[in-house]
Amino acid sequence: MAGKLRCVVVAVDGGEESMSALKWALQNLRLRSQSDDAEPGSFVILHVQSPPSIAAGLNPGAIPFGGPADVEVPAFTAAIEAHQKRITEAIIAHALQICAEKNIANVKTQVVIGDPKDMICDVIANLNADLLVMGCRDSGAIKRAGKG
């Protein structure tokens, strides 16, 4: 695909496979160049963060000694959110470093919170993206053999 792509979204989760997919996209895809009547194309690095309740395994458990089981503990939620923010910042920084090493300047980032399968589809639709690039997990020879 040479020079016609306006918006390429690359979904990254910090895993080796997603960063390999980003490298592949940067090496193999050509974006639209700037012209008088059109903006240049861009790569959008997308990271989907899980909601704090999912990251914590739904909740930290019941308050001991007879407390209600459905009470959210604000300090626990805040700690999870802060941890997720640090992880997200590291993932985005790594992806941007890969882009810089490839001398790719027209890169945008987007972070959304939710279920990745839903949020990726929403972002693709909202951006009217031309292409989505994602890595996949290598399940290994033993798992693949069991699926056949």
Foldseek 3Di string as FASTA:
>chain_A
DAADFAEEEQEDALDPQSLVLLLCCLVPDHWHDDDPVDHTHEYEYEYEAEQLCVVCVNAPAADPDDGDGPDHDVVSNVVSVVVSVVSVVVRVVVSVVSCVVSVNDRYHYDYHYHDVVVVVVVVCVVVVGPYYTGGDDDPDDVVVVVVD
